[in-house]
Structures are given as C-alpha cells and as structure tokens.
C-alpha cells in the first residue's frame, strides 16, 4: 500500500468511518464486489449488535 493510500484511509478513520482493507493476496481470485457485498451485509448485522452493547 502506498503512503498516499494509507493517508486517505487514516483520514477517513479520523472522520469516523469504519474502514476494512483486504490486500490482493488475501482476496485471491474471489470477486471483490461479492466480498464487499458480504462485508456490508455482515457489517450491518454486527453494527446492530454493537450498538445495543450486547457484546460488552
């Protein structure tokens, strides 16, 4: 990852965004669009749990 890319990610996190990054070697031949769809779906479910404090 290049320095300017990391800077953008850091800026987004400072602004309150949750950022998850998978490196190309981790993604392999999986569809990045399909992976993003799964992450959003599962992330929304996790947010509902985390917002209620059930994991605390």
PDB file of N, CA and C in Angstrom:
ATOM      1  N   UNK A   1       0.850  -1.164   0.000  1.00  0.00           N
ATOM      2  CA  UNK A   1       0.000   0.000   0.000  1.00  0.00           C
ATOM      3  C   UNK A   1       0.901   1.234   0.000  1.00  0.00           C
ATOM      4  N   UNK A   2       0.559   2.172  -0.840  1.00  0.00           N
ATOM      5  CA  UNK A   2       1.345   3.396  -0.965  1.00  0.00           C
ATOM      6  C   UNK A   2       1.002   4.369   0.163  1.00  0.00           C
ATOM      7  N   UNK A   3       1.941   5.259   0.452  1.00  0.00           N
ATOM      8  CA  UNK A   3       1.779   6.210   1.557  1.00  0.00           C
ATOM      9  C   UNK A   3       0.530   7.069   1.393  1.00  0.00           C
ATOM     10  N   UNK A   4       0.253   7.527   0.174  1.00  0.00           N
ATOM     11  CA  UNK A   4      -0.922   8.389  -0.019  1.00  0.00           C
ATOM     12  C   UNK A   4      -2.225   7.607   0.175  1.00  0.00           C
ATOM     13  N   UNK A   5      -2.214   6.316  -0.129  1.00  0.00           N
ATOM     14  CA  UNK A   5      -3.396   5.488   0.101  1.00  0.00           C
ATOM     15  C   UNK A   5      -3.634   5.306   1.601  1.00  0.00           C
ATOM     16  N   UNK A   6      -2.558   5.046   2.334  1.00  0.00           N
ATOM     17  CA  UNK A   6      -2.671   4.907   3.785  1.00  0.00           C
ATOM     18  C   UNK A   6      -3.147   6.215   4.407  1.00  0.00           C
ATOM     19  N   UNK A   7      -2.677   7.338   3.888  1.00  0.00           N
ATOM     20  CA  UNK A   7      -3.095   8.641   4.410  1.00  0.00           C
ATOM     21  C   UNK A   7      -4.599   8.847   4.236  1.00  0.00           C
ATOM     22  N   UNK A   8      -5.132   8.438   3.090  1.00  0.00           N
ATOM     23  CA  UNK A   8      -6.575   8.566   2.849  1.00  0.00           C
ATOM     24  C   UNK A   8      -7.351   7.700   3.841  1.00  0.00           C
ATOM     25  N   UNK A   9      -6.892   6.488   4.055  1.00  0.00           N
ATOM     26  CA  UNK A   9      -7.553   5.586   4.999  1.00  0.00           C
ATOM     27  C   UNK A   9      -7.508   6.169   6.406  1.00  0.00           C
ATOM     28  N   UNK A  10      -6.350   6.683   6.813  1.00  0.00           N
ATOM     29  CA  UNK A  10      -6.220   7.300   8.135  1.00  0.00           C
ATOM     30  C   UNK A  10      -7.159   8.490   8.278  1.00  0.00           C
ATOM     31  N   UNK A  11      -7.264   9.304   7.234  1.00  0.00           N
ATOM     32  CA  UNK A  11      -8.159  10.468   7.246  1.00  0.00           C
ATOM     33  C   UNK A  11      -9.615  10.027   7.413  1.00  0.00           C
ATOM     34  N   UNK A  12     -10.010   9.006   6.676  1.00  0.00           N
ATOM     35  CA  UNK A  12     -11.379   8.503   6.792  1.00  0.00           C
ATOM     36  C   UNK A  12     -11.663   8.017   8.209  1.00  0.00           C
ATOM     37  N   UNK A  13     -10.726   7.298   8.793  1.00  0.00           N
ATOM     38  CA  UNK A  13     -10.913   6.802  10.162  1.00  0.00           C
ATOM     39  C   UNK A  13     -11.035   7.959  11.149  1.00  0.00           C
ATOM     40  N   UNK A  14     -10.222   8.993  10.957  1.00  0.00           N
ATOM     41  CA  UNK A  14     -10.298  10.171  11.833  1.00  0.00           C
ATOM     42  C   UNK A  14     -11.651  10.857  11.723  1.00  0.00           C
ATOM     43  N   UNK A  15     -12.284  10.746  10.569  1.00  0.00           N
ATOM     44  CA  UNK A  15     -13.598  11.354  10.348  1.00  0.00           C
ATOM     45  C   UNK A  15     -14.740  10.472  10.857  1.00  0.00           C
ATOM     46  N   UNK A  16     -14.400   9.281  11.373  1.00  0.00           N
ATOM     47  CA  UNK A  16     -15.421   8.421  11.954  1.00  0.00           C
ATOM     48  C   UNK A  16     -15.865   7.254  11.092  1.00  0.00           C
ATOM     49  N   UNK A  17     -15.234   7.088   9.935  1.00  0.00           N
ATOM     50  CA  UNK A  17     -15.581   5.959   9.077  1.00  0.00           C
ATOM     51  C   UNK A  17     -14.921   4.683   9.593  1.00  0.00           C
ATOM     52  N   UNK A  18     -15.610   3.563   9.461  1.00  0.00           N
ATOM     53  CA  UNK A  18     -15.014   2.257   9.728  1.00  0.00           C
ATOM     54  C   UNK A  18     -14.450   1.756   8.400  1.00  0.00           C
ATOM     55  N   UNK A  19     -13.190   1.405   8.411  1.00  0.00           N
ATOM     56  CA  UNK A  19     -12.517   1.012   7.169  1.00  0.00           C
ATOM     57  C   UNK A  19     -11.919  -0.379   7.351  1.00  0.00           C
ATOM     58  N   UNK A  20     -12.218  -1.259   6.422  1.00  0.00           N
ATOM     59  CA  UNK A  20     -11.613  -2.592   6.412  1.00  0.00           C
ATOM     60  C   UNK A  20     -10.916  -2.769   5.071  1.00  0.00           C
ATOM     61  N   UNK A  21      -9.684  -3.206   5.111  1.00  0.00           N
ATOM     62  CA  UNK A  21      -8.892  -3.376   3.895  1.00  0.00           C
ATOM     63  C   UNK A  21      -8.429  -4.830   3.807  1.00  0.00           C
ATOM     64  N   UNK A  22      -8.605  -5.409   2.658  1.00  0.00           N
ATOM     65  CA  UNK A  22      -8.059  -6.727   2.368  1.00  0.00           C
ATOM     66  C   UNK A  22      -7.054  -6.561   1.237  1.00  0.00           C
ATOM     67  N   UNK A  23      -5.864  -7.060   1.455  1.00  0.00           N
ATOM     68  CA  UNK A  23      -4.829  -6.979   0.432  1.00  0.00           C
ATOM     69  C   UNK A  23      -5.149  -7.941  -0.707  1.00  0.00           C
ATOM     70  N   UNK A  24      -4.668  -7.645  -1.907  1.00  0.00           N
ATOM     71  CA  UNK A  24      -4.952  -8.514  -3.053  1.00  0.00           C
ATOM     72  C   UNK A  24      -4.599  -9.982  -2.801  1.00  0.00           C
ATOM     73  N   UNK A  25      -3.506 -10.239  -2.100  1.00  0.00           N
ATOM     74  CA  UNK A  25      -3.143 -11.641  -1.853  1.00  0.00           C
ATOM     75  C   UNK A  25      -4.157 -12.321  -0.934  1.00  0.00           C
ATOM     76  N   UNK A  26      -4.849 -11.544  -0.090  1.00  0.00           N
ATOM     77  CA  UNK A  26      -5.881 -12.111   0.775  1.00  0.00           C
ATOM     78  C   UNK A  26      -7.157 -12.401  -0.010  1.00  0.00           C
ATOM     79  N   UNK A  27      -7.481 -11.520  -0.935  1.00  0.00           N
ATOM     80  CA  UNK A  27      -8.688 -11.678  -1.752  1.00  0.00           C
ATOM     81  C   UNK A  27      -8.527 -12.842  -2.722  1.00  0.00           C
ATOM     82  N   UNK A  28      -7.329 -13.002  -3.236  1.00  0.00           N
ATOM     83  CA  UNK A  28      -7.082 -14.076  -4.200  1.00  0.00           C
ATOM     84  C   UNK A  28      -7.958 -13.920  -5.424  1.00  0.00           C
ATOM     85  N   UNK A  29      -8.604 -14.999  -5.843  1.00  0.00           N
ATOM     86  CA  UNK A  29      -9.436 -14.937  -7.049  1.00  0.00           C
ATOM     87  C   UNK A  29     -10.914 -14.705  -6.725  1.00  0.00           C
ATOM     88  N   UNK A  30     -11.213 -14.366  -5.468  1.00  0.00           N
ATOM     89  CA  UNK A  30     -12.600 -14.053  -5.097  1.00  0.00           C
ATOM     90  C   UNK A  30     -13.020 -12.741  -5.752  1.00  0.00           C
ATOM     91  N   UNK A  31     -14.285 -12.611  -6.014  1.00  0.00           N
ATOM     92  CA  UNK A  31     -14.826 -11.375  -6.569  1.00  0.00           C
ATOM     93  C   UNK A  31     -14.801 -10.291  -5.495  1.00  0.00           C
ATOM     94  N   UNK A  32     -14.138  -9.171  -5.776  1.00  0.00           N
ATOM     95  CA  UNK A  32     -14.104  -8.080  -4.803  1.00  0.00           C
ATOM     96  C   UNK A  32     -15.499  -7.508  -4.576  1.00  0.00           C
ATOM     97  N   UNK A  33     -16.323  -7.466  -5.600  1.00  0.00           N
ATOM     98  CA  UNK A  33     -17.697  -6.961  -5.458  1.00  0.00           C
ATOM     99  C   UNK A  33     -18.499  -7.878  -4.538  1.00  0.00           C
ATOM    100  N   UNK A  34     -18.369  -9.188  -4.731  1.00  0.00           N
ATOM    101  CA  UNK A  34     -19.077 -10.136  -3.864  1.00  0.00           C
ATOM    102  C   UNK A  34     -18.580 -10.029  -2.422  1.00  0.00           C
ATOM    103  N   UNK A  35     -17.270  -9.885  -2.252  1.00  0.00           N
ATOM    104  CA  UNK A  35     -16.704  -9.730  -0.915  1.00  0.00           C
ATOM    105  C   UNK A  35     -17.259  -8.476  -0.246  1.00  0.00           C
ATOM    106  N   UNK A  36     -17.292  -7.374  -0.973  1.00  0.00           N
ATOM    107  CA  UNK A  36     -17.836  -6.126  -0.427  1.00  0.00           C
ATOM    108  C   UNK A  36     -19.298  -6.295  -0.023  1.00  0.00           C
ATOM    109  N   UNK A  37     -20.070  -6.972  -0.849  1.00  0.00           N
ATOM    110  CA  UNK A  37     -21.485  -7.199  -0.530  1.00  0.00           C
ATOM    111  C   UNK A  37     -21.641  -7.992   0.770  1.00  0.00           C
ATOM    112  N   UNK A  38     -20.831  -9.037   0.931  1.00  0.00           N
ATOM    113  CA  UNK A  38     -20.890  -9.849   2.147  1.00  0.00           C
ATOM    114  C   UNK A  38     -20.465  -9.021   3.358  1.00  0.00           C
ATOM    115  N   UNK A  39     -19.406  -8.237   3.204  1.00  0.00           N
ATOM    116  CA  UNK A  39     -18.928  -7.417   4.321  1.00  0.00           C
ATOM    117  C   UNK A  39     -19.964  -6.395   4.759  1.00  0.00           C
ATOM    118  N   UNK A  40     -20.647  -5.792   3.810  1.00  0.00           N
ATOM    119  CA  UNK A  40     -21.691  -4.823   4.149  1.00  0.00           C
ATOM    120  C   UNK A  40     -22.836  -5.519   4.880  1.00  0.00           C
ATOM    121  N   UNK A  41     -23.285  -6.652   4.355  1.00  0.00           N
ATOM    122  CA  UNK A  41     -24.390  -7.382   4.976  1.00  0.00           C
ATOM    123  C   UNK A  41     -24.027  -7.808   6.398  1.00  0.00           C
ATOM    124  N   UNK A  42     -22.882  -8.433   6.546  1.00  0.00           N
ATOM    125  CA  UNK A  42     -22.459  -8.907   7.866  1.00  0.00           C
ATOM    126  C   UNK A  42     -22.116  -7.737   8.784  1.00  0.00           C
ATOM    127  N   UNK A  43     -21.556  -6.678   8.204  1.00  0.00           N
ATOM    128  CA  UNK A  43     -21.230  -5.491   8.988  1.00  0.00           C
ATOM    129  C   UNK A  43     -22.463  -4.827   9.553  1.00  0.00           C
ATOM    130  N   UNK A  44     -23.526  -4.762   8.769  1.00  0.00           N
ATOM    131  CA  UNK A  44     -24.774  -4.175   9.261  1.00  0.00           C
ATOM    132  C   UNK A  44     -25.341  -4.981  10.418  1.00  0.00           C
ATOM    133  N   UNK A  45     -25.242  -6.297  10.327  1.00  0.00           N
ATOM    134  CA  UNK A  45     -25.703  -7.148  11.428  1.00  0.00           C
ATOM    135  C   UNK A  45     -24.851  -6.914  12.671  1.00  0.00           C
ATOM    136  N   UNK A  46     -23.539  -6.832  12.479  1.00  0.00           N
ATOM    137  CA  UNK A  46     -22.634  -6.589  13.603  1.00  0.00           C
ATOM    138  C   UNK A  46     -22.902  -5.228  14.237  1.00  0.00           C
ATOM    139  N   UNK A  47     -23.194  -4.227  13.428  1.00  0.00           N
ATOM    140  CA  UNK A  47     -23.495  -2.897  13.964  1.00  0.00           C
ATOM    141  C   UNK A  47     -24.707  -2.918  14.876  1.00  0.00           C
ATOM    142  N   UNK A  48     -25.729  -3.651  14.490  1.00  0.00           N
ATOM    143  CA  UNK A  48     -26.921  -3.741  15.330  1.00  0.00           C
ATOM    144  C   UNK A  48     -26.582  -4.345  16.687  1.00  0.00           C
ATOM    145  N   UNK A  49     -25.732  -5.348  16.695  1.00  0.00           N
ATOM    146  CA  UNK A  49     -25.313  -5.977  17.949  1.00  0.00           C
ATOM    147  C   UNK A  49     -24.453  -5.011  18.757  1.00  0.00           C
ATOM    148  N   UNK A  50     -23.488  -4.380  18.112  1.00  0.00           N
ATOM    149  CA  UNK A  50     -22.568  -3.485  18.812  1.00  0.00           C
ATOM    150  C   UNK A  50     -23.267  -2.245  19.356  1.00  0.00           C
ATOM    151  N   UNK A  51     -24.249  -1.739  18.635  1.00  0.00           N
ATOM    152  CA  UNK A  51     -24.977  -0.548  19.085  1.00  0.00           C
ATOM    153  C   UNK A  51     -25.782  -0.818  20.349  1.00  0.00           C
ATOM    154  N   UNK A  52     -26.235  -2.038  20.524  1.00  0.00           N
ATOM    155  CA  UNK A  52     -27.020  -2.377  21.711  1.00  0.00           C
ATOM    156  C   UNK A  52     -26.127  -2.728  22.897  1.00  0.00           C
ATOM    157  N   UNK A  53     -24.841  -2.884  22.639  1.00  0.00           N
ATOM    158  CA  UNK A  53     -23.908  -3.208  23.710  1.00  0.00           C
ATOM    159  C   UNK A  53     -23.950  -4.652  24.141  1.00  0.00           C
ATOM    160  N   UNK A  54     -24.548  -5.506  23.327  1.00  0.00           N
ATOM    161  CA  UNK A  54     -24.684  -6.918  23.699  1.00  0.00           C
ATOM    162  C   UNK A  54     -23.346  -7.637  23.828  1.00  0.00           C
ATOM    163  N   UNK A  55     -22.313  -7.140  23.167  1.00  0.00           N
ATOM    164  CA  UNK A  55     -21.008  -7.798  23.252  1.00  0.00           C
ATOM    165  C   UNK A  55     -20.187  -7.286  24.423  1.00  0.00           C
ATOM    166  N   UNK A  56     -20.618  -6.222  25.046  1.00  0.00           N
ATOM    167  CA  UNK A  56     -19.850  -5.625  26.151  1.00  0.00           C
ATOM    168  C   UNK A  56     -19.934  -6.458  27.404  1.00  0.00           C
TER     169      UNK A  56
END
